[in-house]
Structures are given as structure tokens and as C-alpha cells.
N, C-alpha and C. Protein backbone atom coordinates (compact mmCIF):
# COMPACT_ATOMS: atom_id res chain seq x y z
N MET A 1 0.85 -1.31 -0.13
CA MET A 1 0.02 -0.05 -0.20
C MET A 1 0.84 1.12 -0.16
N LYS A 2 2.16 1.08 0.76
CA LYS A 2 2.72 2.69 0.92
C LYS A 2 3.64 2.50 -0.41
N GLY A 3 3.70 1.52 -1.25
CA GLY A 3 4.47 1.77 -2.59
C GLY A 3 3.59 2.19 -3.61
N ILE A 4 2.29 1.77 -3.73
CA ILE A 4 1.08 2.58 -4.29
C ILE A 4 1.38 4.11 -3.98
N ALA A 5 1.04 4.83 -2.89
CA ALA A 5 0.81 6.06 -2.60
C ALA A 5 2.55 6.70 -2.78
N THR A 6 3.42 6.20 -2.85
CA THR A 6 4.69 6.62 -3.21
C THR A 6 4.38 6.85 -5.14
N VAL A 7 3.93 6.03 -5.49
CA VAL A 7 3.88 6.11 -7.10
C VAL A 7 3.06 7.17 -7.28
N LEU A 8 1.91 7.15 -6.72
CA LEU A 8 0.78 8.18 -7.04
C LEU A 8 1.75 9.75 -6.53
N SER A 9 2.22 9.55 -5.50
CA SER A 9 2.98 11.05 -5.02
C SER A 9 3.74 11.41 -5.90
N ALA A 10 4.72 10.65 -6.55
CA ALA A 10 5.58 10.69 -7.66
C ALA A 10 5.20 11.60 -8.97
N SER A 11 4.01 10.53 -9.29
CA SER A 11 2.99 10.83 -10.48
C SER A 11 2.44 12.20 -10.30
N PHE A 12 2.04 12.76 -9.18
CA PHE A 12 1.21 13.99 -9.01
C PHE A 12 2.58 14.90 -8.87
N LEU A 13 3.58 14.74 -8.36
CA LEU A 13 4.49 16.01 -8.57
C LEU A 13 5.15 16.08 -10.05
N MET A 14 5.03 14.99 -10.75
CA MET A 14 5.64 15.10 -12.10
C MET A 14 4.50 16.01 -12.92
N LEU A 15 3.08 15.72 -12.67
CA LEU A 15 2.42 16.24 -13.24
C LEU A 15 2.04 17.95 -12.85
N THR A 16 2.19 18.37 -11.89
CA THR A 16 2.50 19.45 -11.21
C THR A 16 3.63 20.19 -11.92
N ALA A 17 4.70 19.50 -11.67
CA ALA A 17 5.90 20.32 -12.42
C ALA A 17 5.78 20.68 -14.04
N THR A 18 5.20 19.57 -14.34
CA THR A 18 4.85 19.92 -15.85
C THR A 18 3.79 20.83 -16.21
N VAL A 19 2.77 21.32 -15.46
CA VAL A 19 2.12 22.19 -15.16
C VAL A 19 2.61 23.35 -15.12
N ALA A 20 3.19 23.44 -13.91
CA ALA A 20 3.70 24.77 -13.50
C ALA A 20 4.85 25.38 -14.44
N PHE A 21 5.74 24.70 -14.93
CA PHE A 21 6.55 25.08 -15.79
C PHE A 21 6.65 25.12 -17.22
N SER A 22 5.31 24.68 -17.73
CA SER A 22 4.81 24.91 -19.29
C SER A 22 4.97 26.43 -19.67
N ASN A 23 5.37 26.72 -20.73
CA ASN A 23 5.35 28.06 -21.36
C ASN A 23 3.62 28.37 -21.80
N PRO A 24 3.06 29.10 -21.29
CA PRO A 24 1.72 29.47 -21.87
C PRO A 24 1.66 30.11 -23.33
N TYR A 25 2.82 30.64 -23.78
CA TYR A 25 2.97 31.38 -24.87
C TYR A 25 3.37 30.43 -25.98
N VAL A 26 3.46 29.28 -25.82
CA VAL A 26 3.98 28.18 -26.94
C VAL A 26 2.68 27.19 -27.06
N SER A 27 2.13 27.22 -28.05
CA SER A 27 1.07 26.05 -28.28
C SER A 27 1.52 24.67 -29.59
N ASN A 28 1.35 23.68 -29.47
CA ASN A 28 1.36 22.96 -30.44
C ASN A 28 0.22 22.64 -31.14
N GLN A 29 -0.63 23.23 -30.89
CA GLN A 29 -1.93 22.95 -31.14
C GLN A 29 -2.54 24.00 -32.37
N PRO A 30 -3.28 23.74 -33.26
CA PRO A 30 -3.67 24.63 -34.36
C PRO A 30 -4.78 25.64 -33.55
N GLU A 31 -4.91 26.79 -33.96
CA GLU A 31 -5.53 27.62 -33.66
C GLU A 31 -6.95 27.23 -33.71
N THR A 32 -8.06 27.46 -32.65
CA THR A 32 -9.13 27.37 -33.04
C THR A 32 -10.03 28.53 -32.95
N THR A 33 -9.71 29.62 -32.98
CA THR A 33 -10.28 30.82 -33.05
C THR A 33 -9.93 31.35 -34.18
N SER A 34 -10.81 31.89 -35.11
CA SER A 34 -10.59 32.40 -36.64
C SER A 34 -11.20 33.50 -36.74
N ILE A 35 -11.01 34.45 -37.88
CA ILE A 35 -11.68 35.94 -37.63
C ILE A 35 -13.16 35.61 -37.90
N ASP A 36 -13.49 36.94 -37.32
CA ASP A 36 -14.99 36.74 -37.35
C ASP A 36 -15.47 37.09 -39.04
N SER A 37 -16.05 36.08 -39.63
CA SER A 37 -16.70 36.30 -40.89
C SER A 37 -17.65 37.43 -41.28
N SER A 38 -18.23 38.03 -40.08
CA SER A 38 -18.97 39.07 -40.25
C SER A 38 -18.29 40.53 -40.37
N SER A 39 -17.12 40.17 -40.02
CA SER A 39 -16.05 41.78 -40.10
C SER A 39 -15.74 42.03 -41.51
N SER A 40 -15.07 43.25 -41.72
CA SER A 40 -14.51 43.69 -42.81
C SER A 40 -13.30 42.48 -43.10
N LYS A 41 -12.83 42.94 -44.46
CA LYS A 41 -11.71 41.90 -44.57
C LYS A 41 -10.66 42.27 -44.05
N SER A 42 -9.96 41.12 -43.72
CA SER A 42 -8.70 41.44 -42.95
C SER A 42 -7.57 42.00 -43.78
N CYS A 43 -6.36 41.98 -43.15
CA CYS A 43 -5.17 42.76 -43.49
C CYS A 43 -4.58 41.68 -44.46
N GLN A 44 -4.89 40.24 -44.43
CA GLN A 44 -4.44 39.19 -44.98
C GLN A 44 -4.90 39.21 -46.39
N THR A 45 -6.23 39.65 -46.46
CA THR A 45 -6.80 39.89 -47.64
C THR A 45 -5.88 40.69 -48.81
N THR A 46 -5.84 41.92 -48.15
CA THR A 46 -5.17 42.96 -49.06
C THR A 46 -3.75 42.94 -49.30
N LEU A 47 -2.91 41.98 -48.14
CA LEU A 47 -1.51 41.56 -48.08
C LEU A 47 -1.27 40.29 -49.66
N ASP A 48 -2.32 39.62 -49.40
CA ASP A 48 -2.34 38.36 -50.10
C ASP A 48 -1.74 38.48 -51.54
N ASN A 49 -0.53 37.61 -51.60
CA ASN A 49 0.41 37.15 -52.58
C ASN A 49 0.99 38.59 -53.64
N ASN A 50 1.03 39.58 -52.78
CA ASN A 50 1.42 40.68 -53.45
C ASN A 50 2.97 41.36 -52.88
N SER A 51 3.51 42.04 -54.05
CA SER A 51 4.85 42.45 -53.65
C SER A 51 5.03 44.03 -53.64
N TYR A 52 5.80 44.54 -52.93
CA TYR A 52 6.01 46.20 -52.53
C TYR A 52 7.55 46.23 -52.58
N ASP A 53 7.69 47.54 -53.74
CA ASP A 53 8.97 48.31 -53.28
C ASP A 53 8.94 49.15 -52.28
N CYS A 54 10.03 49.15 -51.48
CA CYS A 54 10.30 49.89 -50.24
C CYS A 54 11.63 50.54 -50.21
N ASN A 55 11.14 51.64 -49.46
CA ASN A 55 12.39 52.51 -48.86
C ASN A 55 12.51 52.18 -47.41
N VAL A 56 13.67 52.10 -46.91
CA VAL A 56 14.08 51.67 -45.63
C VAL A 56 14.92 52.59 -44.65
N ALA A 57 14.66 52.89 -43.56
CA ALA A 57 15.80 54.09 -43.20
C ALA A 57 15.93 53.04 -41.82
N SER A 58 17.43 53.03 -41.76
CA SER A 58 17.94 52.15 -40.51
C SER A 58 18.43 53.23 -39.30
N SER A 59 18.67 52.55 -38.28
CA SER A 59 19.44 53.41 -36.86
C SER A 59 20.58 53.57 -37.30
N PHE A 60 21.07 52.50 -37.87
CA PHE A 60 22.76 52.82 -38.13
C PHE A 60 23.47 53.16 -39.27
N GLY A 61 22.65 53.37 -40.05
CA GLY A 61 23.82 53.70 -41.63
C GLY A 61 22.64 54.23 -42.53
N ALA A 62 22.75 54.27 -43.99
CA ALA A 62 22.22 54.91 -44.80
C ALA A 62 20.95 54.28 -45.28
N PRO A 63 19.79 54.98 -45.64
CA PRO A 63 18.85 54.36 -46.32
C PRO A 63 18.98 53.46 -47.57
N PHE A 64 17.98 52.36 -47.49
CA PHE A 64 18.31 51.30 -48.66
C PHE A 64 16.73 50.93 -48.97
N THR A 65 17.04 50.29 -50.35
CA THR A 65 15.73 49.80 -50.66
C THR A 65 15.68 48.44 -50.68
N ASP A 66 14.30 48.02 -50.74
CA ASP A 66 14.21 46.39 -50.54
C ASP A 66 12.82 45.99 -51.33
N CYS A 67 12.39 45.14 -51.35
CA CYS A 67 11.22 44.41 -52.11
C CYS A 67 11.00 43.38 -51.06
N TYR A 68 9.58 43.55 -50.88
CA TYR A 68 8.94 42.82 -49.76
C TYR A 68 7.78 41.77 -50.47
N GLU A 69 7.46 40.55 -50.08
CA GLU A 69 6.54 39.71 -50.78
C GLU A 69 6.17 39.18 -49.64
N PHE A 70 4.63 39.36 -49.62
CA PHE A 70 3.86 38.71 -48.85
C PHE A 70 3.10 37.53 -49.52
N ILE A 71 3.36 36.15 -48.59
CA ILE A 71 2.94 34.83 -49.37
C ILE A 71 1.74 34.32 -48.33
N SER A 72 0.62 33.94 -49.29
CA SER A 72 -0.41 33.47 -48.69
C SER A 72 -0.89 32.29 -49.26
N PRO A 73 -1.07 31.18 -49.14
CA PRO A 73 -0.89 30.93 -47.25
C PRO A 73 0.22 30.95 -46.91
N GLY A 74 0.64 30.99 -45.43
CA GLY A 74 2.07 30.93 -45.16
C GLY A 74 2.56 29.43 -45.09
N SER A 75 4.13 29.47 -44.87
CA SER A 75 4.68 28.16 -44.79
C SER A 75 5.19 28.22 -43.31
N GLU A 76 5.51 29.41 -42.70
CA GLU A 76 6.15 29.60 -41.27
C GLU A 76 5.21 30.17 -40.41
N SER A 77 3.90 30.71 -40.97
CA SER A 77 2.70 31.08 -40.31
C SER A 77 1.59 30.44 -40.60
N THR A 78 0.71 29.93 -39.82
CA THR A 78 -0.81 29.42 -40.19
C THR A 78 -1.45 30.37 -40.99
N HIS A 79 -1.24 31.77 -41.00
CA HIS A 79 -1.85 32.66 -41.77
C HIS A 79 -1.14 33.14 -43.21
N PHE A 80 0.01 33.81 -42.71
CA PHE A 80 0.76 34.31 -44.14
C PHE A 80 1.94 34.69 -43.77
N ASP A 81 3.12 34.66 -44.94
CA ASP A 81 4.07 35.12 -44.53
C ASP A 81 4.75 36.18 -45.47
N LEU A 82 5.86 36.75 -44.84
CA LEU A 82 6.63 38.15 -45.62
C LEU A 82 7.95 37.47 -45.78
N PHE A 83 8.40 37.79 -47.04
CA PHE A 83 9.81 37.73 -47.51
C PHE A 83 10.42 38.84 -47.98
N PRO A 84 11.03 39.02 -47.14
CA PRO A 84 12.06 40.73 -47.57
C PRO A 84 13.24 40.14 -48.28
N ALA A 85 13.52 40.55 -49.54
CA ALA A 85 14.30 39.94 -50.58
C ALA A 85 15.73 40.48 -49.84
N GLY A 86 15.99 41.68 -49.40
CA GLY A 86 17.17 41.88 -48.74
C GLY A 86 17.52 40.93 -47.63
N LEU A 87 16.66 40.49 -46.68
CA LEU A 87 16.70 39.74 -45.52
C LEU A 87 17.06 38.38 -45.85
N ASP A 88 16.59 37.96 -47.16
CA ASP A 88 16.74 36.58 -47.60
C ASP A 88 15.91 35.67 -46.41
N SER A 89 15.09 35.87 -46.05
CA SER A 89 14.95 35.08 -44.94
C SER A 89 13.09 35.16 -44.91
N THR A 90 12.28 34.03 -44.60
CA THR A 90 10.79 34.15 -44.60
C THR A 90 10.50 34.35 -43.06
N LEU A 91 9.22 35.06 -43.00
CA LEU A 91 8.88 35.51 -41.46
C LEU A 91 7.46 35.20 -41.16
N GLY A 92 6.99 34.72 -40.41
CA GLY A 92 5.83 34.23 -40.58
C GLY A 92 4.76 35.66 -39.70
N CYS A 93 3.43 35.66 -40.34
CA CYS A 93 2.90 36.94 -40.36
C CYS A 93 1.51 36.72 -39.73
N SER A 94 0.77 37.65 -38.95
CA SER A 94 -0.59 37.32 -38.60
C SER A 94 -1.13 39.09 -38.55
N CYS A 95 -2.46 39.25 -38.96
CA CYS A 95 -3.23 40.39 -38.78
C CYS A 95 -2.96 40.34 -37.37
N ASP A 96 -3.06 41.94 -36.93
CA ASP A 96 -2.99 42.18 -35.46
C ASP A 96 -4.73 41.57 -34.93
N PRO A 97 -4.85 41.41 -33.51
CA PRO A 97 -6.13 40.94 -33.44
C PRO A 97 -6.94 42.28 -33.06
N THR A 98 -8.40 42.09 -33.02
CA THR A 98 -9.37 43.19 -32.59
C THR A 98 -10.29 42.48 -31.67
N GLY A 99 -11.09 43.22 -31.60
CA GLY A 99 -11.98 42.78 -29.94
C GLY A 99 -11.56 43.21 -28.84
N SER A 100 -11.51 42.31 -27.84
CA SER A 100 -11.09 42.19 -26.37
C SER A 100 -10.64 41.02 -25.87
N GLU A 101 -9.87 41.18 -24.80
CA GLU A 101 -9.79 39.81 -23.88
C GLU A 101 -10.83 38.85 -24.00
N LYS A 102 -12.00 39.34 -23.69
CA LYS A 102 -13.34 38.37 -23.45
C LYS A 102 -13.84 38.19 -24.66
N SER A 103 -13.75 38.94 -25.79
CA SER A 103 -14.09 38.39 -27.03
C SER A 103 -13.56 38.90 -28.09
N PRO A 104 -12.04 38.06 -28.07
CA PRO A 104 -11.12 38.54 -29.41
C PRO A 104 -11.57 37.92 -30.56
N LYS A 105 -11.26 38.71 -31.74
CA LYS A 105 -10.77 38.02 -33.00
C LYS A 105 -9.65 38.22 -33.50
N PHE A 106 -9.03 37.05 -33.66
CA PHE A 106 -7.71 37.06 -34.07
C PHE A 106 -7.43 36.79 -35.71
N ASN A 107 -6.49 37.46 -36.10
CA ASN A 107 -6.12 37.68 -37.47
C ASN A 107 -7.22 38.62 -38.14
N ALA A 108 -7.68 39.37 -37.54
CA ALA A 108 -8.66 40.16 -37.80
C ALA A 108 -8.71 41.64 -38.25
N SER A 109 -7.59 42.51 -37.90
CA SER A 109 -7.24 43.81 -38.32
C SER A 109 -7.68 43.75 -39.72
N SER A 110 -7.97 45.11 -40.45
CA SER A 110 -8.35 45.18 -41.58
C SER A 110 -6.86 45.75 -42.25
N SER A 111 -6.26 46.31 -41.22
CA SER A 111 -4.96 46.93 -41.69
C SER A 111 -3.68 46.88 -41.01
N ALA A 112 -3.77 46.17 -39.89
CA ALA A 112 -2.44 46.39 -38.88
C ALA A 112 -1.86 44.85 -39.05
N PHE A 113 -0.60 44.50 -39.31
CA PHE A 113 0.04 43.72 -39.02
C PHE A 113 1.18 43.04 -38.37
N ASP A 114 1.85 42.09 -38.23
CA ASP A 114 2.92 41.69 -37.40
C ASP A 114 3.62 40.44 -38.06
N CYS A 115 4.72 40.58 -38.28
CA CYS A 115 5.79 39.45 -39.04
C CYS A 115 6.79 39.51 -38.12
N ASP A 116 7.24 38.25 -37.88
CA ASP A 116 8.21 37.74 -37.04
C ASP A 116 9.34 36.46 -37.40
N GLY A 117 10.58 36.60 -37.02
CA GLY A 117 11.29 35.37 -37.70
C GLY A 117 12.88 36.08 -37.78
N THR A 118 13.54 34.99 -37.92
CA THR A 118 15.30 35.04 -38.06
C THR A 118 15.66 34.72 -39.04
N ASP A 119 17.00 35.62 -39.42
CA ASP A 119 17.84 35.38 -40.53
C ASP A 119 18.93 34.17 -40.42
N GLY A 120 18.56 33.79 -39.17
CA GLY A 120 19.66 32.73 -38.32
C GLY A 120 20.77 33.38 -37.81
N THR A 121 20.71 34.58 -37.52
CA THR A 121 21.58 35.38 -36.62
C THR A 121 20.99 36.40 -35.69
N GLU A 122 20.42 37.29 -36.52
CA GLU A 122 19.12 37.89 -35.70
C GLU A 122 17.62 37.92 -35.73
N TYR A 123 17.16 38.35 -34.77
CA TYR A 123 15.49 38.42 -34.82
C TYR A 123 15.11 39.36 -35.10
N PHE A 124 14.10 39.34 -36.14
CA PHE A 124 13.43 40.73 -36.27
C PHE A 124 11.87 40.43 -36.52
N ASP A 125 11.35 41.84 -35.92
CA ASP A 125 9.77 41.87 -35.87
C ASP A 125 9.46 43.23 -36.76
N PHE A 126 8.59 42.68 -37.65
CA PHE A 126 8.18 43.92 -38.69
C PHE A 126 6.63 44.09 -38.36
N ALA A 127 6.43 45.24 -38.03
CA ALA A 127 5.07 45.71 -37.55
C ALA A 127 4.54 46.54 -38.55
N GLY A 128 3.62 46.66 -39.22
CA GLY A 128 3.09 47.46 -40.23
C GLY A 128 1.56 47.74 -40.36
N LYS A 129 1.24 48.71 -41.53
CA LYS A 129 -0.07 48.92 -41.65
C LYS A 129 0.13 49.01 -42.93
N VAL A 130 -1.27 48.37 -44.23
CA VAL A 130 -1.28 48.41 -45.17
C VAL A 130 -2.91 49.07 -45.73
N THR A 131 -2.36 49.74 -46.96
CA THR A 131 -3.75 50.41 -47.70
C THR A 131 -3.89 49.21 -48.77
N SER A 132 -4.68 49.95 -49.52
CA SER A 132 -4.60 49.21 -51.08
C SER A 132 -3.63 49.05 -51.85
N LYS A 133 -2.82 50.36 -51.69
CA LYS A 133 -1.47 50.42 -52.68
C LYS A 133 -0.17 50.58 -51.57
N LYS A 134 -0.60 50.71 -50.44
CA LYS A 134 1.06 51.10 -49.76
C LYS A 134 1.03 50.40 -48.35
N VAL A 135 2.17 50.25 -48.06
CA VAL A 135 2.55 49.33 -46.56
C VAL A 135 3.48 50.12 -45.96
N SER A 136 3.36 50.41 -44.59
CA SER A 136 4.36 51.32 -43.88
C SER A 136 4.56 50.64 -42.47
N GLY A 137 5.66 51.17 -41.96
CA GLY A 137 5.77 50.20 -40.74
C GLY A 137 7.00 50.63 -40.00
N HIS A 138 7.47 49.85 -39.05
CA HIS A 138 8.79 49.77 -38.29
C HIS A 138 9.17 48.41 -38.15
N ILE A 139 10.41 48.25 -37.85
CA ILE A 139 10.87 46.93 -37.96
C ILE A 139 12.32 47.24 -36.53
N SER A 140 12.06 46.25 -35.46
CA SER A 140 12.94 46.05 -34.71
C SER A 140 13.77 44.88 -34.42
N ALA A 141 15.09 44.72 -34.25
CA ALA A 141 15.97 43.76 -34.03
C ALA A 141 16.43 43.42 -32.73
N ASN A 142 16.59 42.08 -32.44
CA ASN A 142 17.18 41.56 -31.11
C ASN A 142 18.20 42.25 -30.79
N ASN A 143 18.91 43.10 -31.56
CA ASN A 143 20.44 43.32 -31.22
C ASN A 143 20.02 44.97 -30.70
N GLY A 144 18.90 45.59 -30.85
CA GLY A 144 18.79 46.89 -30.69
C GLY A 144 18.39 47.92 -31.97
N SER A 145 18.86 47.44 -33.12
CA SER A 145 18.56 47.88 -34.45
C SER A 145 17.16 48.48 -34.41
N SER A 146 17.20 49.24 -35.34
CA SER A 146 15.29 49.93 -35.55
C SER A 146 15.31 50.58 -37.23
N PHE A 147 14.38 50.46 -38.08
CA PHE A 147 13.93 50.67 -38.91
C PHE A 147 12.58 50.98 -39.23
N LEU A 148 12.43 52.06 -40.15
CA LEU A 148 11.34 52.51 -40.73
C LEU A 148 11.39 52.22 -42.19
N PHE A 149 9.94 51.69 -42.80
CA PHE A 149 9.72 51.46 -44.11
C PHE A 149 8.45 51.98 -44.47
N THR A 150 8.31 52.37 -46.16
CA THR A 150 7.20 52.98 -46.96
C THR A 150 7.52 52.01 -47.87
N CYS A 151 6.47 51.78 -48.56
CA CYS A 151 6.29 50.88 -49.54
C CYS A 151 5.12 50.96 -50.28
N THR A 152 5.45 50.49 -51.77
CA THR A 152 4.37 50.96 -52.69
C THR A 152 4.24 49.39 -53.77
N LYS A 153 3.05 49.09 -53.73
CA LYS A 153 2.71 47.89 -54.47
C LYS A 153 3.19 47.87 -55.86
N ARG A 154 3.86 46.96 -56.00
CA ARG A 154 4.28 46.57 -57.46
C ARG A 154 3.20 45.82 -58.47
N SER A 155 3.32 45.88 -59.42
CA SER A 155 2.23 44.90 -60.56
C SER A 155 2.97 43.53 -60.49
N SER A 156 4.33 43.49 -60.34
CA SER A 156 4.96 41.90 -60.65
C SER A 156 5.73 41.50 -59.24
N PRO A 157 5.96 40.17 -59.15
CA PRO A 157 7.02 39.61 -58.21
C PRO A 157 8.14 40.54 -57.95
N CYS A 158 8.57 40.41 -56.83
CA CYS A 158 9.97 40.91 -56.19
C CYS A 158 10.98 40.39 -57.96
N PRO A 159 11.73 40.94 -58.01
CA PRO A 159 13.02 40.47 -58.84
C PRO A 159 13.80 39.09 -58.10
């Protein structure tokens, strides 16, 4: 009887430790909440498989140009991806959530988006807003560098 109590106690401690130390920000489950179909189109609809010529200002050097491609459906994200040609890396994206904590609508903003990922050495966060022909926003890197970008929609894919 004492052996069973010891096994049950050990099992309870392992379960408690697993729950206590699991990361609430990481999920291996697919998203269960989708955008509200009664709302206006999401930013993904506007960005969907479009390319943009971009002017970029950096916190550490001269301005430069780049070409940004938005890819839907995404391979990095369950929603859509961003491929900045100059970064040569694919970032996972989603439209910003709308609503409230009690009634959230994920990937639902009609204009605001975030894209995150790494080029293998640094981590980048692209945050922006889209209109029918323009994209603008800012980028931050984990090393403290920051950037501003303004983009105009292209009629063809990035070279």
C-alpha cells in the first residue's frame, strides 16, 4: 500500500511540475479561433500574394531599398508570410487581433499586421499597416537596431 502511495505522489509531482513549468505562450495545437466572418476583410486579404517596392531607413546607416513579398497561405505562419528580399529569410505573419480579451477576434485587423522571424543570426519584428496600394511600418531587431519602411505595391513579383 505504501508503494502505491509513493507512485501516486511521484506522478502527482511530475504532473504539477509539467503544468507549472509549461510555457503558456507556446502551443503545438492549431488555432481554434478564426476571424469573424461578419467583419470586414483582414489585412491578409489586402496583402495576399502581393509584392512591394520599399524605402527603408535604418538606425545605423544609410537608407536602402528592398522588395517585400507577402505569401499566402504561409509556410512559417498558419496565416501568411513575408519575404523581405534583402533579408533573404521568410517571416511568419498575422493580422493584429481585434476585439477584447473576453471577445477576441484573431488575425482580424483590416490594416495592421506583425511578422516575426530570424535570418539565422538576428531576430526581427516587422510591424506595419497596409492600404490598397501602400505598406508602412517599423522593424526592430533583437540587437537593438530599428528601421522605418514605406512601400508601394508592385505590379509584378520581386526580382
